[in-house]
Amino acid sequence: MDSHERAVEQAVPRVGETSIRRAIVGASVGNMVEWFDFAVYGYLAVTLGAVFFPSEDPTISLLSSFAVFGVAFVMRPLGGLFFGPLGDRIGRQRTLATVIILMSLSTFAIAFLPGYATIGIWAPILLVLARLLQGFSAGGEFGGASAFIAEYSPDNRRGFLVSWLEFSTLIGFILGSLSVLLLSSVLSEDALTSWGWRIPFLLAGPLGLIGLYIRLRLDDTPEFRALESAGEVSQSPFRETLTQNWRPILQVAGLVIIQNAGFYIVLTYMQTYITEQLGFSTTSASLSTVLTLLVGMALIPPLGALSDRVGRKPVLMASCVGFAILTYPLFLVLNAGSLAAAIAAHVTLGALLAVYLSTTIAALTELFPTRVRYGGFSIGYNVSVAIFGGAAPFLATYLISVTGNPLSPAFYLIAAAIATALTLLTIKETARTPLRKT
């Protein structure tokens, strides 16, 4: 250990359990709000397609809607490039407060957009602009919140404590799904299309204020405060991240391929798949999604704790192998014509995803030193999600329309699992490793 490392280690403030809990709640509540905002669009894709992209061919409307869903992901690497190094320079807490303001405002604005029938081509243009701002802010959320909780967590409990961030992500998605389920249950199709779809976007306003209030009351992380005290905060985090940490950035991009593909196929696109391809009702699709999310939430914390004992790599590899072997049979079950079988297959896919989500954040944060953790994580993660996540619903819809094969999305997930498994072979085990020494 050199003098710089000793100075930083000596400067790390000791924090109690109360501070750790406050950090987890603060980061998780804000993260939940972010992903509620982001999820609502995906769950309302069919309705938004009719409002903003009317067409005689429903597939064209749906493809247009998912294309705009994917537009936000184009901006996420830019958001990661901007907010990641900013968080490494001025701190995690202030950057995360800014991020939640941008996300909430852009989502809230969608609620007031007129449809295509009112202002024509300007309707989808304004929707694209709002989605671009959503994507830009989302690019700074996940990496920052991950670093925030990881840097508060003791080395021997990091997997368990950090897993609560993914738990909060699923809460955001389940709130989005429940809001759509409630609307589709109490409103007619015409009412949902004319005005009901605006209600979940309106909720972004008060939810954003709650998240902002909580984040403004948090202290920055012990690790970052130690860097400040020792005078070791990077003065050029963007350059340092790219020139000295390009290898872990590439590893992050590879490690989250199955996470992103699985997330947006299993938790977002499947809602549309169950209605458009399998022919079941919107209510049935929402019920299946809610059950899948609940099972995932139940699995994530205990599996995160398991990774603290057995290591990150065994848990992550088990998920990859499961996706590679079971995805195609599960899609066969999905298409068997039984609603109960379709829900069971959907839930099983969600369980495979939960195994990976339980451990991935801890593994990714442990790849970087504290000086560039926010930026390195954000850049690698958001480049991957732009390529493999945002395009997933569009590609799945496109593959089915071109091939006529409703099983074709399964091959996308299998390829993603294999790519991630190969990346896993390149990293060392990092469980229980002190963050500042990684």
Protein backbone atom coordinates (compact mmCIF):
# COMPACT_ATOMS: atom_id res chain seq x y z
CA MET A 1 0.00 0.00 0.00
CA ASP A 2 1.51 3.36 -1.02
CA SER A 3 1.21 6.69 0.84
CA HIS A 4 -1.81 7.78 -1.20
CA GLU A 5 -3.73 4.59 -0.36
CA ARG A 6 -2.83 4.90 3.33
CA ALA A 7 -4.03 8.52 3.38
CA VAL A 8 -7.35 7.60 1.82
CA GLU A 9 -7.84 4.57 4.08
CA GLN A 10 -7.15 6.61 7.21
CA ALA A 11 -9.61 9.29 6.04
CA VAL A 12 -12.58 6.98 5.48
CA PRO A 13 -15.23 7.99 8.05
CA ARG A 14 -16.78 5.23 10.14
CA VAL A 15 -20.51 4.92 9.64
CA GLY A 16 -23.12 3.16 11.75
CA GLU A 17 -26.05 0.97 10.77
CA THR A 18 -28.42 3.96 10.82
CA SER A 19 -26.32 5.80 8.23
CA ILE A 20 -26.12 2.68 6.06
CA ARG A 21 -29.90 2.23 6.17
CA ARG A 22 -30.48 5.90 5.30
CA ALA A 23 -28.11 5.60 2.35
CA ILE A 24 -29.89 2.50 1.04
CA VAL A 25 -33.33 4.10 1.42
CA GLY A 26 -32.20 7.39 -0.14
CA ALA A 27 -30.60 5.81 -3.19
CA SER A 28 -33.32 3.20 -3.58
CA VAL A 29 -36.31 5.56 -3.35
CA GLY A 30 -34.82 7.84 -5.96
CA ASN A 31 -33.99 4.85 -8.13
CA MET A 32 -37.54 3.53 -7.75
CA VAL A 33 -38.95 6.86 -8.94
CA GLU A 34 -36.59 6.88 -11.93
CA TRP A 35 -37.61 3.41 -13.06
CA PHE A 36 -41.31 3.95 -12.45
CA ASP A 37 -41.03 6.88 -14.85
CA PHE A 38 -39.09 4.82 -17.37
CA ALA A 39 -41.27 1.70 -17.09
CA VAL A 40 -44.61 3.39 -17.63
CA TYR A 41 -43.80 4.10 -21.26
CA GLY A 42 -43.00 0.46 -21.97
CA TYR A 43 -46.20 -0.80 -20.35
CA LEU A 44 -48.29 1.70 -22.32
CA ALA A 45 -46.53 1.04 -25.63
CA VAL A 46 -49.63 -0.21 -27.46
CA THR A 47 -51.76 2.73 -26.30
CA LEU A 48 -49.06 5.30 -27.02
CA GLY A 49 -48.61 3.80 -30.48
CA ALA A 50 -52.28 4.51 -31.22
CA VAL A 51 -52.09 8.06 -29.78
CA PHE A 52 -48.84 9.26 -31.34
CA PHE A 53 -48.36 6.92 -34.34
CA PRO A 54 -51.82 6.07 -35.73
CA SER A 55 -51.73 3.57 -38.57
CA GLU A 56 -54.04 1.08 -40.22
CA ASP A 57 -51.42 -1.57 -39.45
CA PRO A 58 -51.17 -2.07 -35.65
CA THR A 59 -47.68 -3.56 -36.05
CA ILE A 60 -46.45 -0.29 -37.61
CA SER A 61 -47.87 1.71 -34.69
CA LEU A 62 -46.28 -0.66 -32.19
CA LEU A 63 -42.91 -0.62 -33.95
CA SER A 64 -43.00 3.19 -34.00
CA SER A 65 -43.81 3.29 -30.30
CA PHE A 66 -40.96 0.90 -29.44
CA ALA A 67 -38.61 2.87 -31.71
CA VAL A 68 -39.27 5.95 -29.55
CA PHE A 69 -38.81 3.74 -26.47
CA GLY A 70 -35.37 2.89 -27.87
CA VAL A 71 -34.55 6.54 -28.67
CA ALA A 72 -34.09 7.26 -24.96
CA PHE A 73 -31.37 4.62 -24.83
CA VAL A 74 -29.37 6.44 -27.49
CA MET A 75 -28.99 9.28 -25.00
CA ARG A 76 -28.06 7.09 -22.05
CA PRO A 77 -24.36 6.76 -22.97
CA LEU A 78 -24.21 10.56 -23.27
CA GLY A 79 -25.83 10.87 -19.87
CA GLY A 80 -23.32 8.41 -18.46
CA LEU A 81 -20.43 10.29 -20.04
CA PHE A 82 -21.70 13.56 -18.53
CA PHE A 83 -23.01 12.60 -15.09
CA GLY A 84 -20.52 9.80 -14.33
CA PRO A 85 -17.34 11.93 -14.35
CA LEU A 86 -19.32 14.78 -12.75
CA GLY A 87 -20.22 12.49 -9.85
CA ASP A 88 -16.56 11.51 -9.49
CA ARG A 89 -15.58 15.17 -9.33
CA ILE A 90 -18.29 16.91 -7.26
CA GLY A 91 -19.73 13.92 -5.39
CA ARG A 92 -22.42 11.29 -5.71
CA GLN A 93 -25.17 12.99 -3.68
CA ARG A 94 -25.36 16.30 -5.57
CA THR A 95 -25.21 14.58 -8.95
CA LEU A 96 -27.98 12.12 -8.06
CA ALA A 97 -30.22 14.99 -6.91
CA THR A 98 -29.80 16.68 -10.30
CA VAL A 99 -30.54 13.45 -12.15
CA ILE A 100 -33.89 12.87 -10.45
CA ILE A 101 -35.03 16.42 -11.23
CA LEU A 102 -34.40 15.92 -14.95
CA MET A 103 -36.10 12.52 -15.09
CA SER A 104 -39.20 13.65 -13.23
CA LEU A 105 -39.65 16.81 -15.29
CA SER A 106 -39.28 15.01 -18.62
CA THR A 107 -41.75 12.29 -17.59
CA PHE A 108 -44.22 14.81 -16.16
CA ALA A 109 -44.11 16.73 -19.44
CA ILE A 110 -45.26 13.67 -21.43
CA ALA A 111 -48.59 13.81 -19.58
CA PHE A 112 -49.39 17.14 -21.27
CA LEU A 113 -48.41 16.28 -24.84
CA PRO A 114 -51.22 16.48 -27.42
CA GLY A 115 -51.68 13.45 -29.65
CA TYR A 116 -51.17 13.07 -33.38
CA ALA A 117 -54.84 13.84 -34.06
CA THR A 118 -54.39 17.30 -32.50
CA ILE A 119 -51.05 18.61 -33.79
CA GLY A 120 -49.94 16.03 -36.34
CA ILE A 121 -46.24 15.31 -36.76
CA TRP A 122 -45.31 17.62 -33.87
CA ALA A 123 -46.82 15.12 -31.42
CA PRO A 124 -44.24 12.35 -32.02
CA ILE A 125 -41.47 14.96 -32.29
CA LEU A 126 -42.28 16.32 -28.82
CA LEU A 127 -42.54 12.78 -27.49
CA VAL A 128 -39.07 12.00 -28.85
CA LEU A 129 -37.63 15.14 -27.19
CA ALA A 130 -39.11 14.14 -23.83
CA ARG A 131 -37.75 10.62 -24.21
CA LEU A 132 -34.30 11.98 -25.08
CA LEU A 133 -34.24 13.95 -21.82
CA GLN A 134 -35.45 10.85 -19.95
CA GLY A 135 -32.61 8.83 -21.43
CA PHE A 136 -30.00 11.49 -20.67
CA SER A 137 -30.98 11.61 -16.99
CA ALA A 138 -31.30 7.81 -16.71
CA GLY A 139 -27.69 7.59 -17.92
CA GLY A 140 -26.59 9.18 -14.66
CA GLU A 141 -28.92 7.32 -12.30
CA PHE A 142 -27.98 3.68 -12.07
CA GLY A 143 -24.20 4.03 -11.89
CA GLY A 144 -24.45 6.77 -9.28
CA ALA A 145 -26.98 4.98 -7.09
CA SER A 146 -24.92 1.77 -7.33
CA ALA A 147 -21.72 3.53 -6.30
CA PHE A 148 -23.57 5.34 -3.50
CA ILE A 149 -24.80 2.18 -1.77
CA ALA A 150 -21.64 0.18 -2.47
CA GLU A 151 -19.46 2.87 -0.88
CA TYR A 152 -21.58 2.82 2.28
CA SER A 153 -21.58 -1.00 2.54
CA PRO A 154 -19.19 -3.10 4.68
CA ASP A 155 -17.01 -5.38 2.55
CA ASN A 156 -18.53 -8.62 3.87
CA ARG A 157 -22.17 -7.51 3.29
CA ARG A 158 -21.92 -5.54 0.07
CA GLY A 159 -23.69 -8.09 -2.09
CA PHE A 160 -26.72 -8.17 0.19
CA LEU A 161 -26.94 -4.41 0.80
CA VAL A 162 -26.40 -3.37 -2.81
CA SER A 163 -29.00 -5.88 -4.00
CA TRP A 164 -31.68 -3.64 -2.49
CA LEU A 165 -31.07 -1.18 -5.31
CA GLU A 166 -32.25 -3.77 -7.85
CA PHE A 167 -35.11 -4.55 -5.48
CA SER A 168 -36.14 -0.89 -5.71
CA THR A 169 -35.85 -1.02 -9.50
CA LEU A 170 -38.43 -3.81 -9.56
CA ILE A 171 -40.64 -1.81 -7.19
CA GLY A 172 -40.58 1.01 -9.75
CA PHE A 173 -41.53 -1.43 -12.48
CA ILE A 174 -44.27 -3.05 -10.41
CA LEU A 175 -45.78 0.33 -9.58
CA GLY A 176 -45.75 1.14 -13.28
CA SER A 177 -47.35 -2.19 -14.12
CA LEU A 178 -49.97 -1.88 -11.36
CA SER A 179 -50.92 1.60 -12.52
CA VAL A 180 -51.48 0.29 -16.07
CA LEU A 181 -53.36 -2.75 -14.71
CA LEU A 182 -55.64 -0.49 -12.66
CA LEU A 183 -56.29 1.86 -15.57
CA SER A 184 -57.02 -0.96 -18.01
CA SER A 185 -59.40 -2.54 -15.47
CA VAL A 186 -61.49 0.54 -14.68
CA LEU A 187 -61.37 2.43 -18.00
CA SER A 188 -62.72 1.51 -21.39
CA GLU A 189 -60.29 1.19 -24.30
CA ASP A 190 -61.50 4.52 -25.67
CA ALA A 191 -61.07 6.29 -22.32
CA LEU A 192 -57.58 4.85 -21.85
CA THR A 193 -56.55 6.03 -25.32
CA SER A 194 -58.12 9.49 -25.05
CA TRP A 195 -56.98 10.56 -21.58
CA GLY A 196 -56.33 7.69 -19.17
CA TRP A 197 -52.78 7.05 -20.36
CA ARG A 198 -51.74 10.48 -19.02
CA ILE A 199 -52.35 9.59 -15.36
CA PRO A 200 -49.16 7.52 -14.69
CA PHE A 201 -47.04 10.27 -16.25
CA LEU A 202 -48.69 12.88 -14.01
CA LEU A 203 -47.59 10.87 -10.97
CA ALA A 204 -43.96 11.59 -11.91
CA GLY A 205 -44.30 15.10 -10.46
CA PRO A 206 -45.06 14.29 -6.81
CA LEU A 207 -42.93 11.13 -6.85
CA GLY A 208 -39.97 13.16 -8.12
CA LEU A 209 -40.37 15.72 -5.34
CA ILE A 210 -40.36 12.94 -2.73
CA GLY A 211 -37.22 11.40 -4.21
CA LEU A 212 -35.48 14.78 -4.42
CA TYR A 213 -36.31 15.62 -0.79
CA ILE A 214 -34.83 12.33 0.41
CA ARG A 215 -31.66 12.66 -1.67
CA LEU A 216 -31.00 16.24 -0.54
CA ARG A 217 -30.95 15.06 3.09
CA LEU A 218 -28.20 12.47 2.53
CA ASP A 219 -24.48 12.85 3.22
CA ASP A 220 -22.07 11.84 0.50
CA THR A 221 -20.44 8.42 0.76
CA PRO A 222 -17.65 7.67 3.26
CA GLU A 223 -15.34 6.62 0.41
CA PHE A 224 -15.84 9.86 -1.53
CA ARG A 225 -15.49 12.00 1.60
CA ALA A 226 -12.22 10.18 2.31
CA LEU A 227 -10.95 11.09 -1.17
CA GLU A 228 -11.85 14.72 -0.52
CA SER A 229 -10.14 14.75 2.88
CA ALA A 230 -6.98 13.21 1.42
CA GLY A 231 -7.00 15.56 -1.58
CA GLU A 232 -7.27 12.56 -3.90
CA VAL A 233 -10.41 13.43 -5.88
CA SER A 234 -9.62 13.12 -9.57
CA GLN A 235 -9.30 16.48 -11.30
CA SER A 236 -9.90 14.91 -14.70
CA PRO A 237 -12.12 11.90 -14.06
CA PHE A 238 -13.29 11.60 -17.67
CA ARG A 239 -9.74 11.24 -19.02
CA GLU A 240 -8.63 9.05 -16.11
CA THR A 241 -11.63 6.76 -16.56
CA LEU A 242 -11.08 6.20 -20.27
CA THR A 243 -7.27 6.00 -20.31
CA GLN A 244 -6.63 3.98 -17.14
CA ASN A 245 -9.83 1.96 -16.74
CA TRP A 246 -10.84 0.99 -20.25
CA ARG A 247 -10.58 -2.74 -19.50
CA PRO A 248 -13.16 -2.78 -16.65
CA ILE A 249 -15.39 -0.50 -18.75
CA LEU A 250 -15.40 -3.15 -21.49
CA GLN A 251 -16.00 -5.86 -18.90
CA VAL A 252 -18.99 -3.97 -17.51
CA ALA A 253 -20.42 -3.59 -21.02
CA GLY A 254 -20.12 -7.34 -21.56
CA LEU A 255 -21.37 -8.35 -18.12
CA VAL A 256 -24.66 -6.48 -18.45
CA ILE A 257 -25.64 -7.81 -21.90
CA ILE A 258 -27.92 -10.49 -20.47
CA GLN A 259 -29.07 -8.13 -17.73
CA ASN A 260 -30.22 -5.52 -20.24
CA ALA A 261 -31.61 -7.93 -22.82
CA GLY A 262 -33.40 -9.91 -20.11
CA PHE A 263 -34.69 -6.84 -18.33
CA TYR A 264 -36.34 -5.28 -21.35
CA ILE A 265 -37.58 -8.53 -22.87
CA VAL A 266 -38.87 -10.18 -19.69
CA LEU A 267 -40.09 -7.14 -17.76
CA THR A 268 -41.12 -4.68 -20.50
CA TYR A 269 -41.70 -6.35 -23.86
CA MET A 270 -43.39 -9.45 -22.42
CA GLN A 271 -46.41 -7.32 -21.49
CA THR A 272 -46.91 -6.61 -25.19
CA TYR A 273 -45.96 -10.16 -26.25
CA ILE A 274 -48.68 -11.70 -24.08
CA THR A 275 -51.37 -9.51 -25.63
CA GLU A 276 -50.22 -9.10 -29.24
CA GLN A 277 -48.70 -12.53 -29.88
CA LEU A 278 -50.49 -14.82 -27.44
CA GLY A 279 -53.88 -13.11 -27.67
CA PHE A 280 -54.56 -12.74 -23.94
CA SER A 281 -56.09 -9.61 -22.39
CA THR A 282 -54.19 -6.57 -21.17
CA THR A 283 -55.32 -7.41 -17.64
CA SER A 284 -53.86 -10.93 -17.95
CA ALA A 285 -50.58 -9.51 -19.26
CA SER A 286 -50.35 -7.02 -16.40
CA LEU A 287 -51.14 -9.77 -13.86
CA SER A 288 -48.36 -11.94 -15.31
CA THR A 289 -45.90 -9.04 -15.12
CA VAL A 290 -46.84 -8.23 -11.52
CA LEU A 291 -46.38 -11.87 -10.44
CA THR A 292 -43.02 -12.02 -12.23
CA LEU A 293 -41.86 -8.84 -10.50
CA LEU A 294 -43.01 -10.08 -7.07
CA VAL A 295 -41.07 -13.34 -7.46
CA GLY A 296 -38.00 -11.40 -8.57
CA MET A 297 -38.26 -9.09 -5.56
CA ALA A 298 -38.49 -12.10 -3.21
CA LEU A 299 -35.36 -13.69 -4.71
CA ILE A 300 -32.99 -10.73 -5.05
CA PRO A 301 -31.99 -9.94 -1.41
CA PRO A 302 -31.28 -13.55 -0.29
CA LEU A 303 -29.35 -14.26 -3.48
CA GLY A 304 -27.36 -11.06 -2.97
CA ALA A 305 -26.47 -12.33 0.50
CA LEU A 306 -25.53 -15.69 -1.01
CA SER A 307 -23.02 -13.95 -3.30
CA ASP A 308 -21.26 -12.58 -0.19
CA ARG A 309 -20.64 -16.18 0.92
CA VAL A 310 -20.00 -18.12 -2.30
CA GLY A 311 -18.73 -15.28 -4.52
CA ARG A 312 -20.17 -13.18 -7.35
CA LYS A 313 -19.09 -15.33 -10.29
CA PRO A 314 -20.89 -18.59 -9.35
CA VAL A 315 -24.23 -16.80 -8.94
CA LEU A 316 -23.87 -14.81 -12.17
CA MET A 317 -22.75 -17.86 -14.16
CA ALA A 318 -25.70 -19.90 -12.87
CA SER A 319 -28.07 -17.29 -14.33
CA CYS A 320 -26.29 -17.27 -17.69
CA VAL A 321 -26.38 -21.07 -17.95
CA GLY A 322 -30.05 -21.07 -16.98
CA PHE A 323 -30.94 -18.56 -19.69
CA ALA A 324 -28.91 -20.44 -22.32
CA ILE A 325 -30.54 -23.80 -21.56
CA LEU A 326 -34.10 -22.91 -20.53
CA THR A 327 -35.14 -19.89 -22.60
CA TYR A 328 -36.24 -21.78 -25.73
CA PRO A 329 -38.28 -24.41 -23.81
CA LEU A 330 -39.91 -21.62 -21.79
CA PHE A 331 -40.95 -19.80 -24.98
CA LEU A 332 -42.51 -23.07 -26.18
CA VAL A 333 -44.53 -23.16 -22.96
CA LEU A 334 -45.47 -19.50 -23.43
CA ASN A 335 -46.99 -20.40 -26.80
CA ALA A 336 -48.81 -23.51 -25.60
CA GLY A 337 -52.17 -21.70 -25.58
CA SER A 338 -52.74 -21.82 -21.82
CA LEU A 339 -52.78 -18.61 -19.77
CA ALA A 340 -51.61 -20.46 -16.64
CA ALA A 341 -48.70 -22.00 -18.57
CA ALA A 342 -47.78 -18.64 -20.10
CA ILE A 343 -47.72 -16.97 -16.68
CA ALA A 344 -45.63 -19.82 -15.23
CA ALA A 345 -43.09 -19.51 -18.07
CA HIS A 346 -42.97 -15.72 -17.67
CA VAL A 347 -42.38 -16.03 -13.93
CA THR A 348 -39.59 -18.58 -14.51
CA LEU A 349 -37.84 -16.24 -16.93
CA GLY A 350 -38.17 -13.52 -14.30
CA ALA A 351 -36.60 -15.81 -11.69
CA LEU A 352 -33.59 -16.44 -13.97
CA LEU A 353 -33.23 -12.69 -14.39
CA ALA A 354 -33.51 -12.13 -10.63
CA VAL A 355 -30.57 -14.47 -10.02
CA TYR A 356 -28.40 -12.21 -12.17
CA LEU A 357 -29.81 -8.93 -10.85
CA SER A 358 -29.14 -10.00 -7.25
CA THR A 359 -25.39 -9.92 -7.71
CA THR A 360 -24.49 -7.86 -10.74
CA ILE A 361 -24.29 -4.41 -9.11
CA ALA A 362 -21.88 -5.54 -6.41
CA ALA A 363 -19.67 -7.21 -9.01
CA LEU A 364 -19.64 -4.14 -11.28
CA THR A 365 -18.86 -1.60 -8.56
CA GLU A 366 -15.98 -3.76 -7.34
CA LEU A 367 -14.25 -3.50 -10.71
CA PHE A 368 -13.37 0.20 -10.27
CA PRO A 369 -11.39 2.31 -7.79
CA THR A 370 -13.37 4.97 -5.93
CA ARG A 371 -11.82 7.84 -7.94
CA VAL A 372 -13.63 6.78 -11.12
CA ARG A 373 -16.33 4.33 -9.94
CA TYR A 374 -19.35 6.48 -10.86
CA GLY A 375 -17.99 7.31 -14.32
CA GLY A 376 -16.54 3.90 -15.17
CA PHE A 377 -19.71 2.05 -14.17
CA SER A 378 -21.99 4.57 -15.94
CA ILE A 379 -20.09 4.57 -19.22
CA GLY A 380 -19.78 0.80 -19.56
CA TYR A 381 -23.30 0.10 -18.37
CA ASN A 382 -25.04 2.68 -20.55
CA VAL A 383 -23.17 1.80 -23.73
CA SER A 384 -24.34 -1.78 -23.27
CA VAL A 385 -27.92 -0.86 -22.40
CA ALA A 386 -28.15 1.39 -25.45
CA ILE A 387 -27.17 -1.50 -27.71
CA PHE A 388 -28.75 -4.51 -26.04
CA GLY A 389 -31.51 -3.09 -23.83
CA GLY A 390 -33.34 -0.28 -25.56
CA ALA A 391 -33.41 -2.11 -28.88
CA ALA A 392 -34.72 -5.34 -27.32
CA PRO A 393 -38.50 -4.68 -27.60
CA PHE A 394 -38.10 -3.29 -31.13
CA LEU A 395 -35.92 -6.21 -32.25
CA ALA A 396 -38.26 -8.77 -30.72
CA THR A 397 -41.25 -7.24 -32.51
CA TYR A 398 -39.30 -6.92 -35.75
CA LEU A 399 -37.96 -10.50 -35.64
CA ILE A 400 -41.44 -11.91 -35.18
CA SER A 401 -42.88 -9.75 -37.99
CA VAL A 402 -40.10 -10.77 -40.40
CA THR A 403 -39.82 -14.47 -39.56
CA GLY A 404 -43.38 -15.14 -38.50
CA ASN A 405 -41.87 -17.20 -35.67
CA PRO A 406 -43.17 -16.19 -32.21
CA LEU A 407 -40.21 -18.02 -30.62
CA SER A 408 -37.58 -15.78 -32.23
CA PRO A 409 -37.06 -13.51 -29.15
CA ALA A 410 -35.72 -16.60 -27.35
CA PHE A 411 -32.66 -16.67 -29.58
CA TYR A 412 -31.86 -13.06 -28.67
CA LEU A 413 -31.82 -13.95 -24.96
CA ILE A 414 -29.74 -17.10 -25.55
CA ALA A 415 -27.10 -15.16 -27.50
CA ALA A 416 -27.00 -12.49 -24.77
CA ALA A 417 -26.48 -15.13 -22.07
CA ILE A 418 -23.59 -16.73 -23.96
CA ALA A 419 -21.90 -13.35 -24.54
CA THR A 420 -22.16 -12.49 -20.85
CA ALA A 421 -20.87 -15.91 -19.76
CA LEU A 422 -17.77 -15.44 -21.91
CA THR A 423 -17.18 -12.02 -20.33
CA LEU A 424 -17.50 -13.53 -16.84
CA LEU A 425 -14.51 -15.73 -17.59
CA THR A 426 -12.32 -12.61 -17.90
CA ILE A 427 -12.92 -11.16 -14.42
CA LYS A 428 -11.51 -12.10 -11.04
CA GLU A 429 -13.64 -12.89 -8.01
CA THR A 430 -14.18 -9.64 -6.04
CA ALA A 431 -16.53 -10.64 -3.19
CA ARG A 432 -15.44 -9.26 0.21
CA THR A 433 -12.70 -7.16 -1.45
CA PRO A 434 -12.21 -3.62 -0.01
CA LEU A 435 -13.45 -1.16 -2.63
CA ARG A 436 -10.51 1.23 -2.46
CA LYS A 437 -8.07 -1.65 -3.10
CA THR A 438 -9.81 -3.15 -6.12
